[in-house]
């Protein structure tokens, strides 16, 4: 299964989603802010990144741009996760370098399909 970098600052969301992904046989790495996400992407080269967009230190928009600007991490697919379902948010995520977008609360079957699609493409 996939090695997933889950970037989420909310402890309850991070714990719940990481446990659910682990039960589906994925390996989950955890980051709590955008800077950790950039550093861990460079160090671990995960198969996919699930990026919360509202993060401390460096938001998910900026972290995604940095990951995509780095030749060693530019090919890692990023799925934006956000509670913001505003008009234009999906387009903003794509422009930041994300390959896909999903809203919170997380619909696990839908997210798993997206993970599978982007890690087997």
PDB file of N, CA and C in Angstrom:
ATOM      1  N   UNK A   1       0.834  -1.175   0.000  1.00  0.00           N
ATOM      2  CA  UNK A   1       0.000   0.000   0.000  1.00  0.00           C
ATOM      3  C   UNK A   1       0.887   1.250   0.000  1.00  0.00           C
ATOM      4  N   UNK A   2       0.260   2.395   0.105  1.00  0.00           N
ATOM      5  CA  UNK A   2       0.977   3.659  -0.058  1.00  0.00           C
ATOM      6  C   UNK A   2       1.601   4.158   1.241  1.00  0.00           C
ATOM      7  N   UNK A   3       2.703   4.886   1.079  1.00  0.00           N
ATOM      8  CA  UNK A   3       3.263   5.676   2.175  1.00  0.00           C
ATOM      9  C   UNK A   3       2.652   7.068   2.039  1.00  0.00           C
ATOM     10  N   UNK A   4       1.913   7.471   3.055  1.00  0.00           N
ATOM     11  CA  UNK A   4       1.153   8.719   3.018  1.00  0.00           C
ATOM     12  C   UNK A   4       1.707   9.689   4.049  1.00  0.00           C
ATOM     13  N   UNK A   5       2.003  10.897   3.608  1.00  0.00           N
ATOM     14  CA  UNK A   5       2.341  11.978   4.536  1.00  0.00           C
ATOM     15  C   UNK A   5       1.044  12.731   4.808  1.00  0.00           C
ATOM     16  N   UNK A   6       0.555  12.625   6.029  1.00  0.00           N
ATOM     17  CA  UNK A   6      -0.660  13.308   6.453  1.00  0.00           C
ATOM     18  C   UNK A   6      -0.251  14.579   7.188  1.00  0.00           C
ATOM     19  N   UNK A   7      -0.665  15.709   6.648  1.00  0.00           N
ATOM     20  CA  UNK A   7      -0.318  17.005   7.223  1.00  0.00           C
ATOM     21  C   UNK A   7      -1.598  17.603   7.792  1.00  0.00           C
ATOM     22  N   UNK A   8      -1.676  17.623   9.118  1.00  0.00           N
ATOM     23  CA  UNK A   8      -2.898  18.060   9.801  1.00  0.00           C
ATOM     24  C   UNK A   8      -2.516  18.624  11.162  1.00  0.00           C
ATOM     25  N   UNK A   9      -2.952  19.846  11.465  1.00  0.00           N
ATOM     26  CA  UNK A   9      -2.598  20.452  12.751  1.00  0.00           C
ATOM     27  C   UNK A   9      -3.578  20.112  13.856  1.00  0.00           C
ATOM     28  N   UNK A  10      -4.777  19.670  13.525  1.00  0.00           N
ATOM     29  CA  UNK A  10      -5.761  19.319  14.540  1.00  0.00           C
ATOM     30  C   UNK A  10      -5.497  17.893  15.016  1.00  0.00           C
ATOM     31  N   UNK A  11      -5.156  17.754  16.289  1.00  0.00           N
ATOM     32  CA  UNK A  11      -4.755  16.455  16.830  1.00  0.00           C
ATOM     33  C   UNK A  11      -5.833  15.394  16.670  1.00  0.00           C
ATOM     34  N   UNK A  12      -7.074  15.753  16.926  1.00  0.00           N
ATOM     35  CA  UNK A  12      -8.157  14.778  16.823  1.00  0.00           C
ATOM     36  C   UNK A  12      -8.340  14.313  15.368  1.00  0.00           C
ATOM     37  N   UNK A  13      -8.316  15.243  14.423  1.00  0.00           N
ATOM     38  CA  UNK A  13      -8.432  14.877  13.007  1.00  0.00           C
ATOM     39  C   UNK A  13      -7.248  14.031  12.561  1.00  0.00           C
ATOM     40  N   UNK A  14      -6.056  14.420  12.997  1.00  0.00           N
ATOM     41  CA  UNK A  14      -4.828  13.706  12.622  1.00  0.00           C
ATOM     42  C   UNK A  14      -4.872  12.269  13.144  1.00  0.00           C
ATOM     43  N   UNK A  15      -5.273  12.114  14.400  1.00  0.00           N
ATOM     44  CA  UNK A  15      -5.320  10.786  15.014  1.00  0.00           C
ATOM     45  C   UNK A  15      -6.366   9.908  14.336  1.00  0.00           C
ATOM     46  N   UNK A  16      -7.566  10.454  14.133  1.00  0.00           N
ATOM     47  CA  UNK A  16      -8.650   9.687  13.541  1.00  0.00           C
ATOM     48  C   UNK A  16      -8.301   9.237  12.124  1.00  0.00           C
ATOM     49  N   UNK A  17      -7.830  10.169  11.298  1.00  0.00           N
ATOM     50  CA  UNK A  17      -7.539   9.824   9.912  1.00  0.00           C
ATOM     51  C   UNK A  17      -6.334   8.895   9.800  1.00  0.00           C
ATOM     52  N   UNK A  18      -5.320   9.121  10.601  1.00  0.00           N
ATOM     53  CA  UNK A  18      -4.136   8.251  10.528  1.00  0.00           C
ATOM     54  C   UNK A  18      -4.483   6.822  10.941  1.00  0.00           C
ATOM     55  N   UNK A  19      -5.320   6.663  11.962  1.00  0.00           N
ATOM     56  CA  UNK A  19      -5.727   5.310  12.374  1.00  0.00           C
ATOM     57  C   UNK A  19      -6.540   4.631  11.274  1.00  0.00           C
ATOM     58  N   UNK A  20      -7.435   5.368  10.646  1.00  0.00           N
ATOM     59  CA  UNK A  20      -8.275   4.786   9.594  1.00  0.00           C
ATOM     60  C   UNK A  20      -7.434   4.401   8.376  1.00  0.00           C
ATOM     61  N   UNK A  21      -6.456   5.215   8.024  1.00  0.00           N
ATOM     62  CA  UNK A  21      -5.584   4.896   6.899  1.00  0.00           C
ATOM     63  C   UNK A  21      -4.683   3.704   7.216  1.00  0.00           C
ATOM     64  N   UNK A  22      -4.199   3.634   8.447  1.00  0.00           N
ATOM     65  CA  UNK A  22      -3.351   2.516   8.867  1.00  0.00           C
ATOM     66  C   UNK A  22      -4.134   1.203   8.818  1.00  0.00           C
ATOM     67  N   UNK A  23      -5.398   1.248   9.224  1.00  0.00           N
ATOM     68  CA  UNK A  23      -6.238   0.046   9.160  1.00  0.00           C
ATOM     69  C   UNK A  23      -6.435  -0.430   7.722  1.00  0.00           C
ATOM     70  N   UNK A  24      -6.277   0.470   6.762  1.00  0.00           N
ATOM     71  CA  UNK A  24      -6.382   0.107   5.344  1.00  0.00           C
ATOM     72  C   UNK A  24      -5.017  -0.275   4.772  1.00  0.00           C
ATOM     73  N   UNK A  25      -4.056  -0.550   5.661  1.00  0.00           N
ATOM     74  CA  UNK A  25      -2.710  -1.042   5.326  1.00  0.00           C
ATOM     75  C   UNK A  25      -1.772   0.000   4.731  1.00  0.00           C
ATOM     76  N   UNK A  26      -2.082   1.285   4.898  1.00  0.00           N
ATOM     77  CA  UNK A  26      -1.171   2.333   4.458  1.00  0.00           C
ATOM     78  C   UNK A  26      -0.174   2.636   5.578  1.00  0.00           C
ATOM     79  N   UNK A  27       1.000   3.086   5.218  1.00  0.00           N
ATOM     80  CA  UNK A  27       1.967   3.597   6.178  1.00  0.00           C
ATOM     81  C   UNK A  27       1.750   5.100   6.251  1.00  0.00           C
ATOM     82  N   UNK A  28       1.567   5.632   7.451  1.00  0.00           N
ATOM     83  CA  UNK A  28       1.234   7.046   7.599  1.00  0.00           C
ATOM     84  C   UNK A  28       2.341   7.768   8.361  1.00  0.00           C
ATOM     85  N   UNK A  29       2.867   8.814   7.740  1.00  0.00           N
ATOM     86  CA  UNK A  29       3.808   9.730   8.371  1.00  0.00           C
ATOM     87  C   UNK A  29       3.016  10.973   8.740  1.00  0.00           C
ATOM     88  N   UNK A  30       3.351  11.610   9.865  1.00  0.00           N
ATOM     89  CA  UNK A  30       2.565  12.744  10.350  1.00  0.00           C
ATOM     90  C   UNK A  30       3.377  14.025  10.431  1.00  0.00           C
ATOM     91  N   UNK A  31       2.770  15.110   9.949  1.00  0.00           N
ATOM     92  CA  UNK A  31       3.327  16.452  10.096  1.00  0.00           C
ATOM     93  C   UNK A  31       2.224  17.349  10.635  1.00  0.00           C
ATOM     94  N   UNK A  32       2.608  18.325  11.471  1.00  0.00           N
ATOM     95  CA  UNK A  32       1.624  19.182  12.121  1.00  0.00           C
ATOM     96  C   UNK A  32       1.574  20.601  11.566  1.00  0.00           C
ATOM     97  N   UNK A  33       2.526  20.946  10.710  1.00  0.00           N
ATOM     98  CA  UNK A  33       2.508  22.279  10.116  1.00  0.00           C
ATOM     99  C   UNK A  33       3.154  22.217   8.734  1.00  0.00           C
ATOM    100  N   UNK A  34       3.018  23.304   7.992  1.00  0.00           N
ATOM    101  CA  UNK A  34       3.504  23.334   6.627  1.00  0.00           C
ATOM    102  C   UNK A  34       5.006  23.161   6.484  1.00  0.00           C
ATOM    103  N   UNK A  35       5.763  23.719   7.415  1.00  0.00           N
ATOM    104  CA  UNK A  35       7.217  23.569   7.333  1.00  0.00           C
ATOM    105  C   UNK A  35       7.631  22.124   7.559  1.00  0.00           C
ATOM    106  N   UNK A  36       7.000  21.453   8.536  1.00  0.00           N
ATOM    107  CA  UNK A  36       7.272  20.025   8.745  1.00  0.00           C
ATOM    108  C   UNK A  36       6.919  19.231   7.496  1.00  0.00           C
ATOM    109  N   UNK A  37       5.837  19.610   6.829  1.00  0.00           N
ATOM    110  CA  UNK A  37       5.418  18.911   5.614  1.00  0.00           C
ATOM    111  C   UNK A  37       6.503  18.991   4.546  1.00  0.00           C
ATOM    112  N   UNK A  38       7.025  20.182   4.330  1.00  0.00           N
ATOM    113  CA  UNK A  38       8.083  20.368   3.328  1.00  0.00           C
ATOM    114  C   UNK A  38       9.307  19.536   3.704  1.00  0.00           C
ATOM    115  N   UNK A  39       9.732  19.628   4.960  1.00  0.00           N
ATOM    116  CA  UNK A  39      10.918  18.898   5.419  1.00  0.00           C
ATOM    117  C   UNK A  39      10.738  17.387   5.299  1.00  0.00           C
ATOM    118  N   UNK A  40       9.559  16.892   5.706  1.00  0.00           N
ATOM    119  CA  UNK A  40       9.309  15.448   5.667  1.00  0.00           C
ATOM    120  C   UNK A  40       9.145  14.941   4.230  1.00  0.00           C
ATOM    121  N   UNK A  41       8.582  15.749   3.364  1.00  0.00           N
ATOM    122  CA  UNK A  41       8.467  15.343   1.963  1.00  0.00           C
ATOM    123  C   UNK A  41       9.851  15.150   1.359  1.00  0.00           C
ATOM    124  N   UNK A  42      10.755  16.062   1.668  1.00  0.00           N
ATOM    125  CA  UNK A  42      12.128  15.964   1.157  1.00  0.00           C
ATOM    126  C   UNK A  42      12.837  14.749   1.743  1.00  0.00           C
ATOM    127  N   UNK A  43      12.676  14.539   3.035  1.00  0.00           N
ATOM    128  CA  UNK A  43      13.381  13.446   3.715  1.00  0.00           C
ATOM    129  C   UNK A  43      12.826  12.065   3.364  1.00  0.00           C
ATOM    130  N   UNK A  44      11.509  11.923   3.312  1.00  0.00           N
ATOM    131  CA  UNK A  44      10.891  10.598   3.195  1.00  0.00           C
ATOM    132  C   UNK A  44      10.360  10.243   1.809  1.00  0.00           C
ATOM    133  N   UNK A  45      10.143  11.231   0.948  1.00  0.00           N
ATOM    134  CA  UNK A  45       9.604  10.989  -0.399  1.00  0.00           C
ATOM    135  C   UNK A  45       8.376  10.053  -0.353  1.00  0.00           C
ATOM    136  N   UNK A  46       7.309  10.478   0.328  1.00  0.00           N
ATOM    137  CA  UNK A  46       6.118   9.619   0.413  1.00  0.00           C
ATOM    138  C   UNK A  46       5.483   9.416  -0.961  1.00  0.00           C
ATOM    139  N   UNK A  47       4.604   8.441  -1.053  1.00  0.00           N
ATOM    140  CA  UNK A  47       3.897   8.179  -2.305  1.00  0.00           C
ATOM    141  C   UNK A  47       2.863   9.259  -2.594  1.00  0.00           C
ATOM    142  N   UNK A  48       2.304   9.844  -1.537  1.00  0.00           N
ATOM    143  CA  UNK A  48       1.268  10.865  -1.677  1.00  0.00           C
ATOM    144  C   UNK A  48       1.233  11.707  -0.405  1.00  0.00           C
ATOM    145  N   UNK A  49       0.774  12.937  -0.539  1.00  0.00           N
ATOM    146  CA  UNK A  49       0.642  13.841   0.605  1.00  0.00           C
ATOM    147  C   UNK A  49      -0.815  14.271   0.714  1.00  0.00           C
ATOM    148  N   UNK A  50      -1.368  14.156   1.918  1.00  0.00           N
ATOM    149  CA  UNK A  50      -2.692  14.694   2.222  1.00  0.00           C
ATOM    150  C   UNK A  50      -2.448  15.972   3.004  1.00  0.00           C
ATOM    151  N   UNK A  51      -2.745  17.112   2.403  1.00  0.00           N
ATOM    152  CA  UNK A  51      -2.333  18.414   2.938  1.00  0.00           C
ATOM    153  C   UNK A  51      -3.526  19.232   3.408  1.00  0.00           C
ATOM    154  N   UNK A  52      -3.621  19.414   4.725  1.00  0.00           N
ATOM    155  CA  UNK A  52      -4.572  20.390   5.245  1.00  0.00           C
ATOM    156  C   UNK A  52      -4.086  21.753   4.763  1.00  0.00           C
ATOM    157  N   UNK A  53      -4.993  22.619   4.386  1.00  0.00           N
ATOM    158  CA  UNK A  53      -4.575  23.897   3.827  1.00  0.00           C
ATOM    159  C   UNK A  53      -4.468  24.999   4.880  1.00  0.00           C
ATOM    160  N   UNK A  54      -5.140  24.834   6.011  1.00  0.00           N
ATOM    161  CA  UNK A  54      -5.079  25.834   7.093  1.00  0.00           C
ATOM    162  C   UNK A  54      -4.140  25.309   8.172  1.00  0.00           C
ATOM    163  N   UNK A  55      -2.881  25.702   8.064  1.00  0.00           N
ATOM    164  CA  UNK A  55      -1.840  25.194   8.966  1.00  0.00           C
ATOM    165  C   UNK A  55      -1.068  26.334   9.611  1.00  0.00           C
ATOM    166  N   UNK A  56      -0.486  26.059  10.791  1.00  0.00           N
ATOM    167  CA  UNK A  56       0.392  27.067  11.391  1.00  0.00           C
ATOM    168  C   UNK A  56       1.766  27.067  10.726  1.00  0.00           C
ATOM    169  N   UNK A  57       2.541  28.077  11.035  1.00  0.00           N
ATOM    170  CA  UNK A  57       3.921  28.293  10.587  1.00  0.00           C
ATOM    171  C   UNK A  57       3.978  28.567   9.092  1.00  0.00           C
ATOM    172  N   UNK A  58       3.516  27.630   8.288  1.00  0.00           N
ATOM    173  CA  UNK A  58       3.450  27.800   6.832  1.00  0.00           C
ATOM    174  C   UNK A  58       2.161  27.102   6.405  1.00  0.00           C
ATOM    175  N   UNK A  59       1.268  27.826   5.736  1.00  0.00           N
ATOM    176  CA  UNK A  59      -0.010  27.203   5.379  1.00  0.00           C
ATOM    177  C   UNK A  59       0.174  26.165   4.275  1.00  0.00           C
ATOM    178  N   UNK A  60      -0.862  25.382   4.057  1.00  0.00           N
ATOM    179  CA  UNK A  60      -0.802  24.303   3.082  1.00  0.00           C
ATOM    180  C   UNK A  60      -0.621  24.772   1.657  1.00  0.00           C
ATOM    181  N   UNK A  61      -1.122  25.982   1.359  1.00  0.00           N
ATOM    182  CA  UNK A  61      -0.949  26.539   0.011  1.00  0.00           C
ATOM    183  C   UNK A  61       0.538  26.747  -0.275  1.00  0.00           C
ATOM    184  N   UNK A  62       1.222  27.408   0.667  1.00  0.00           N
ATOM    185  CA  UNK A  62       2.647  27.704   0.497  1.00  0.00           C
ATOM    186  C   UNK A  62       3.487  26.427   0.545  1.00  0.00           C
ATOM    187  N   UNK A  63       3.158  25.521   1.475  1.00  0.00           N
ATOM    188  CA  UNK A  63       3.908  24.263   1.578  1.00  0.00           C
ATOM    189  C   UNK A  63       3.785  23.459   0.286  1.00  0.00           C
ATOM    190  N   UNK A  64       2.583  23.417  -0.287  1.00  0.00           N
ATOM    191  CA  UNK A  64       2.387  22.690  -1.547  1.00  0.00           C
ATOM    192  C   UNK A  64       3.221  23.297  -2.663  1.00  0.00           C
ATOM    193  N   UNK A  65       3.241  24.616  -2.746  1.00  0.00           N
ATOM    194  CA  UNK A  65       4.043  25.291  -3.770  1.00  0.00           C
ATOM    195  C   UNK A  65       5.523  24.957  -3.617  1.00  0.00           C
ATOM    196  N   UNK A  66       6.009  24.950  -2.365  1.00  0.00           N
ATOM    197  CA  UNK A  66       7.430  24.636  -2.127  1.00  0.00           C
ATOM    198  C   UNK A  66       7.752  23.200  -2.507  1.00  0.00           C
ATOM    199  N   UNK A  67       6.874  22.276  -2.149  1.00  0.00           N
ATOM    200  CA  UNK A  67       7.101  20.866  -2.480  1.00  0.00           C
ATOM    201  C   UNK A  67       7.142  20.691  -3.993  1.00  0.00           C
ATOM    202  N   UNK A  68       6.249  21.342  -4.694  1.00  0.00           N
ATOM    203  CA  UNK A  68       6.198  21.216  -6.154  1.00  0.00           C
ATOM    204  C   UNK A  68       7.358  21.946  -6.833  1.00  0.00           C
ATOM    205  N   UNK A  69       7.929  22.951  -6.190  1.00  0.00           N
ATOM    206  CA  UNK A  69       9.050  23.694  -6.764  1.00  0.00           C
ATOM    207  C   UNK A  69      10.390  22.967  -6.593  1.00  0.00           C
ATOM    208  N   UNK A  70      10.431  21.964  -5.725  1.00  0.00           N
ATOM    209  CA  UNK A  70      11.664  21.236  -5.442  1.00  0.00           C
ATOM    210  C   UNK A  70      11.765  20.040  -6.393  1.00  0.00           C
ATOM    211  N   UNK A  71      12.830  19.952  -7.185  1.00  0.00           N
ATOM    212  CA  UNK A  71      12.957  18.834  -8.134  1.00  0.00           C
ATOM    213  C   UNK A  71      12.892  17.449  -7.483  1.00  0.00           C
ATOM    214  N   UNK A  72      13.291  17.338  -6.215  1.00  0.00           N
ATOM    215  CA  UNK A  72      13.284  16.018  -5.569  1.00  0.00           C
ATOM    216  C   UNK A  72      11.896  15.612  -5.075  1.00  0.00           C
ATOM    217  N   UNK A  73      10.952  16.549  -5.028  1.00  0.00           N
ATOM    218  CA  UNK A  73       9.614  16.232  -4.530  1.00  0.00           C
ATOM    219  C   UNK A  73       8.497  16.637  -5.498  1.00  0.00           C
ATOM    220  N   UNK A  74       8.845  17.204  -6.622  1.00  0.00           N
ATOM    221  CA  UNK A  74       7.833  17.751  -7.524  1.00  0.00           C
ATOM    222  C   UNK A  74       6.852  16.716  -8.060  1.00  0.00           C
ATOM    223  N   UNK A  75       7.236  15.443  -8.092  1.00  0.00           N
ATOM    224  CA  UNK A  75       6.359  14.409  -8.640  1.00  0.00           C
ATOM    225  C   UNK A  75       5.449  13.762  -7.599  1.00  0.00           C
ATOM    226  N   UNK A  76       5.560  14.157  -6.341  1.00  0.00           N
ATOM    227  CA  UNK A  76       4.697  13.588  -5.296  1.00  0.00           C
ATOM    228  C   UNK A  76       3.308  14.226  -5.418  1.00  0.00           C
ATOM    229  N   UNK A  77       2.262  13.407  -5.620  1.00  0.00           N
ATOM    230  CA  UNK A  77       0.921  13.983  -5.689  1.00  0.00           C
ATOM    231  C   UNK A  77       0.472  14.503  -4.326  1.00  0.00           C
ATOM    232  N   UNK A  78      -0.203  15.630  -4.349  1.00  0.00           N
ATOM    233  CA  UNK A  78      -0.732  16.250  -3.126  1.00  0.00           C
ATOM    234  C   UNK A  78      -2.242  16.386  -3.278  1.00  0.00           C
ATOM    235  N   UNK A  79      -2.966  15.888  -2.276  1.00  0.00           N
ATOM    236  CA  UNK A  79      -4.406  16.100  -2.218  1.00  0.00           C
ATOM    237  C   UNK A  79      -4.662  17.130  -1.134  1.00  0.00           C
ATOM    238  N   UNK A  80      -5.287  18.230  -1.513  1.00  0.00           N
ATOM    239  CA  UNK A  80      -5.638  19.281  -0.555  1.00  0.00           C
ATOM    240  C   UNK A  80      -6.835  18.822   0.276  1.00  0.00           C
ATOM    241  N   UNK A  81      -6.740  19.002   1.586  1.00  0.00           N
ATOM    242  CA  UNK A  81      -7.855  18.717   2.489  1.00  0.00           C
ATOM    243  C   UNK A  81      -8.232  20.018   3.168  1.00  0.00           C
ATOM    244  N   UNK A  82      -9.503  20.383   3.087  1.00  0.00           N
ATOM    245  CA  UNK A  82      -9.901  21.643   3.701  1.00  0.00           C
ATOM    246  C   UNK A  82     -11.353  21.637   4.106  1.00  0.00           C
ATOM    247  N   UNK A  83     -11.648  22.357   5.161  1.00  0.00           N
ATOM    248  CA  UNK A  83     -13.031  22.553   5.587  1.00  0.00           C
ATOM    249  C   UNK A  83     -13.672  23.658   4.761  1.00  0.00           C
ATOM    250  N   UNK A  84     -12.857  24.394   4.021  1.00  0.00           N
ATOM    251  CA  UNK A  84     -13.356  25.487   3.187  1.00  0.00           C
ATOM    252  C   UNK A  84     -13.848  24.915   1.863  1.00  0.00           C
ATOM    253  N   UNK A  85     -15.116  25.051   1.623  1.00  0.00           N
ATOM    254  CA  UNK A  85     -15.689  24.564   0.368  1.00  0.00           C
ATOM    255  C   UNK A  85     -16.187  25.758  -0.430  1.00  0.00           C
ATOM    256  N   UNK A  86     -15.402  26.798  -0.443  1.00  0.00           N
ATOM    257  CA  UNK A  86     -15.780  28.033  -1.117  1.00  0.00           C
ATOM    258  C   UNK A  86     -15.499  27.931  -2.614  1.00  0.00           C
ATOM    259  N   UNK A  87     -16.253  28.695  -3.367  1.00  0.00           N
ATOM    260  CA  UNK A  87     -16.039  28.788  -4.808  1.00  0.00           C
ATOM    261  C   UNK A  87     -14.579  29.202  -5.055  1.00  0.00           C
ATOM    262  N   UNK A  88     -13.909  28.483  -5.884  1.00  0.00           N
ATOM    263  CA  UNK A  88     -12.530  28.827  -6.229  1.00  0.00           C
ATOM    264  C   UNK A  88     -11.483  28.098  -5.409  1.00  0.00           C
ATOM    265  N   UNK A  89     -11.855  27.468  -4.279  1.00  0.00           N
ATOM    266  CA  UNK A  89     -10.852  26.780  -3.466  1.00  0.00           C
ATOM    267  C   UNK A  89     -10.203  25.619  -4.207  1.00  0.00           C
ATOM    268  N   UNK A  90     -11.012  24.859  -4.960  1.00  0.00           N
ATOM    269  CA  UNK A  90     -10.438  23.744  -5.715  1.00  0.00           C
ATOM    270  C   UNK A  90      -9.439  24.272  -6.741  1.00  0.00           C
ATOM    271  N   UNK A  91      -9.798  25.325  -7.441  1.00  0.00           N
ATOM    272  CA  UNK A  91      -8.892  25.916  -8.428  1.00  0.00           C
ATOM    273  C   UNK A  91      -7.626  26.442  -7.765  1.00  0.00           C
ATOM    274  N   UNK A  92      -7.761  27.064  -6.596  1.00  0.00           N
ATOM    275  CA  UNK A  92      -6.590  27.558  -5.855  1.00  0.00           C
ATOM    276  C   UNK A  92      -5.674  26.401  -5.466  1.00  0.00           C
ATOM    277  N   UNK A  93      -6.258  25.270  -5.077  1.00  0.00           N
ATOM    278  CA  UNK A  93      -5.454  24.101  -4.704  1.00  0.00           C
ATOM    279  C   UNK A  93      -4.689  23.579  -5.923  1.00  0.00           C
ATOM    280  N   UNK A  94      -5.359  23.511  -7.054  1.00  0.00           N
ATOM    281  CA  UNK A  94      -4.701  23.052  -8.281  1.00  0.00           C
ATOM    282  C   UNK A  94      -3.556  23.999  -8.650  1.00  0.00           C
ATOM    283  N   UNK A  95      -3.805  25.299  -8.534  1.00  0.00           N
ATOM    284  CA  UNK A  95      -2.763  26.286  -8.848  1.00  0.00           C
ATOM    285  C   UNK A  95      -1.584  26.207  -7.886  1.00  0.00           C
ATOM    286  N   UNK A  96      -1.829  25.746  -6.650  1.00  0.00           N
ATOM    287  CA  UNK A  96      -0.748  25.587  -5.671  1.00  0.00           C
ATOM    288  C   UNK A  96       0.048  24.311  -5.922  1.00  0.00           C
ATOM    289  N   UNK A  97      -0.417  23.465  -6.850  1.00  0.00           N
ATOM    290  CA  UNK A  97       0.314  22.252  -7.184  1.00  0.00           C
ATOM    291  C   UNK A  97      -0.373  20.971  -6.755  1.00  0.00           C
ATOM    292  N   UNK A  98      -1.538  21.069  -6.149  1.00  0.00           N
ATOM    293  CA  UNK A  98      -2.264  19.870  -5.719  1.00  0.00           C
ATOM    294  C   UNK A  98      -2.905  19.204  -6.933  1.00  0.00           C
ATOM    295  N   UNK A  99      -2.945  17.882  -6.913  1.00  0.00           N
ATOM    296  CA  UNK A  99      -3.555  17.145  -8.018  1.00  0.00           C
ATOM    297  C   UNK A  99      -5.051  16.940  -7.796  1.00  0.00           C
ATOM    298  N   UNK A 100      -5.481  17.093  -6.536  1.00  0.00           N
ATOM    299  CA  UNK A 100      -6.880  16.855  -6.215  1.00  0.00           C
ATOM    300  C   UNK A 100      -7.229  17.634  -4.957  1.00  0.00           C
ATOM    301  N   UNK A 101      -8.497  17.556  -4.593  1.00  0.00           N
ATOM    302  CA  UNK A 101      -9.053  18.395  -3.528  1.00  0.00           C
ATOM    303  C   UNK A 101     -10.154  17.594  -2.851  1.00  0.00           C
ATOM    304  N   UNK A 102     -10.201  17.635  -1.535  1.00  0.00           N
ATOM    305  CA  UNK A 102     -11.271  16.958  -0.812  1.00  0.00           C
ATOM    306  C   UNK A 102     -11.666  17.806   0.391  1.00  0.00           C
ATOM    307  N   UNK A 103     -12.926  17.758   0.732  1.00  0.00           N
ATOM    308  CA  UNK A 103     -13.429  18.590   1.824  1.00  0.00           C
ATOM    309  C   UNK A 103     -13.564  17.800   3.118  1.00  0.00           C
ATOM    310  N   UNK A 104     -13.509  18.538   4.209  1.00  0.00           N
ATOM    311  CA  UNK A 104     -13.751  17.973   5.534  1.00  0.00           C
ATOM    312  C   UNK A 104     -15.195  18.278   5.899  1.00  0.00           C
ATOM    313  N   UNK A 105     -15.846  17.442   6.671  1.00  0.00           N
ATOM    314  CA  UNK A 105     -15.313  16.200   7.226  1.00  0.00           C
ATOM    315  C   UNK A 105     -15.008  15.184   6.122  1.00  0.00           C
ATOM    316  N   UNK A 106     -14.015  14.374   6.387  1.00  0.00           N
ATOM    317  CA  UNK A 106     -13.519  13.422   5.411  1.00  0.00           C
ATOM    318  C   UNK A 106     -14.528  12.303   5.170  1.00  0.00           C
ATOM    319  N   UNK A 107     -14.792  12.052   3.910  1.00  0.00           N
ATOM    320  CA  UNK A 107     -15.560  10.880   3.483  1.00  0.00           C
ATOM    321  C   UNK A 107     -14.497   9.845   3.113  1.00  0.00           C
ATOM    322  N   UNK A 108     -14.233   8.894   4.023  1.00  0.00           N
ATOM    323  CA  UNK A 108     -13.104   7.980   3.838  1.00  0.00           C
ATOM    324  C   UNK A 108     -13.182   7.174   2.541  1.00  0.00           C
ATOM    325  N   UNK A 109     -14.306   6.577   2.184  1.00  0.00           N
ATOM    326  CA  UNK A 109     -14.325   5.833   0.911  1.00  0.00           C
ATOM    327  C   UNK A 109     -13.961   6.712  -0.294  1.00  0.00           C
ATOM    328  N   UNK A 110     -14.448   7.934  -0.318  1.00  0.00           N
ATOM    329  CA  UNK A 110     -14.124   8.845  -1.422  1.00  0.00           C
ATOM    330  C   UNK A 110     -12.632   9.171  -1.418  1.00  0.00           C
ATOM    331  N   UNK A 111     -12.080   9.476  -0.224  1.00  0.00           N
ATOM    332  CA  UNK A 111     -10.658   9.804  -0.132  1.00  0.00           C
ATOM    333  C   UNK A 111      -9.788   8.607  -0.514  1.00  0.00           C
ATOM    334  N   UNK A 112     -10.172   7.407  -0.094  1.00  0.00           N
ATOM    335  CA  UNK A 112      -9.399   6.213  -0.449  1.00  0.00           C
ATOM    336  C   UNK A 112      -9.369   5.995  -1.956  1.00  0.00           C
ATOM    337  N   UNK A 113     -10.463   6.280  -2.639  1.00  0.00           N
ATOM    338  CA  UNK A 113     -10.479   6.171  -4.103  1.00  0.00           C
ATOM    339  C   UNK A 113      -9.505   7.161  -4.725  1.00  0.00           C
ATOM    340  N   UNK A 114      -9.455   8.359  -4.178  1.00  0.00           N
ATOM    341  CA  UNK A 114      -8.529   9.367  -4.703  1.00  0.00           C
ATOM    342  C   UNK A 114      -7.083   8.952  -4.442  1.00  0.00           C
ATOM    343  N   UNK A 115      -6.806   8.459  -3.244  1.00  0.00           N
ATOM    344  CA  UNK A 115      -5.447   7.992  -2.921  1.00  0.00           C
ATOM    345  C   UNK A 115      -5.044   6.882  -3.883  1.00  0.00           C
ATOM    346  N   UNK A 116      -5.932   5.916  -4.079  1.00  0.00           N
ATOM    347  CA  UNK A 116      -5.647   4.807  -4.978  1.00  0.00           C
ATOM    348  C   UNK A 116      -5.404   5.308  -6.401  1.00  0.00           C
ATOM    349  N   UNK A 117      -6.242   6.216  -6.857  1.00  0.00           N
ATOM    350  CA  UNK A 117      -6.074   6.750  -8.210  1.00  0.00           C
ATOM    351  C   UNK A 117      -4.708   7.424  -8.386  1.00  0.00           C
ATOM    352  N   UNK A 118      -4.318   8.259  -7.451  1.00  0.00           N
ATOM    353  CA  UNK A 118      -3.087   9.036  -7.614  1.00  0.00           C
ATOM    354  C   UNK A 118      -1.818   8.256  -7.292  1.00  0.00           C
ATOM    355  N   UNK A 119      -1.940   7.140  -6.583  1.00  0.00           N
ATOM    356  CA  UNK A 119      -0.739   6.342  -6.284  1.00  0.00           C
ATOM    357  C   UNK A 119      -0.550   5.198  -7.265  1.00  0.00           C
ATOM    358  N   UNK A 120      -1.536   4.976  -8.136  1.00  0.00           N
ATOM    359  CA  UNK A 120      -1.401   3.907  -9.135  1.00  0.00           C
ATOM    360  C   UNK A 120      -1.352   4.463 -10.550  1.00  0.00           C
ATOM    361  N   UNK A 121      -1.405   5.772 -10.684  1.00  0.00           N
ATOM    362  CA  UNK A 121      -1.396   6.398 -12.011  1.00  0.00           C
ATOM    363  C   UNK A 121       0.016   6.523 -12.534  1.00  0.00           C
TER     364      UNK A 121
END
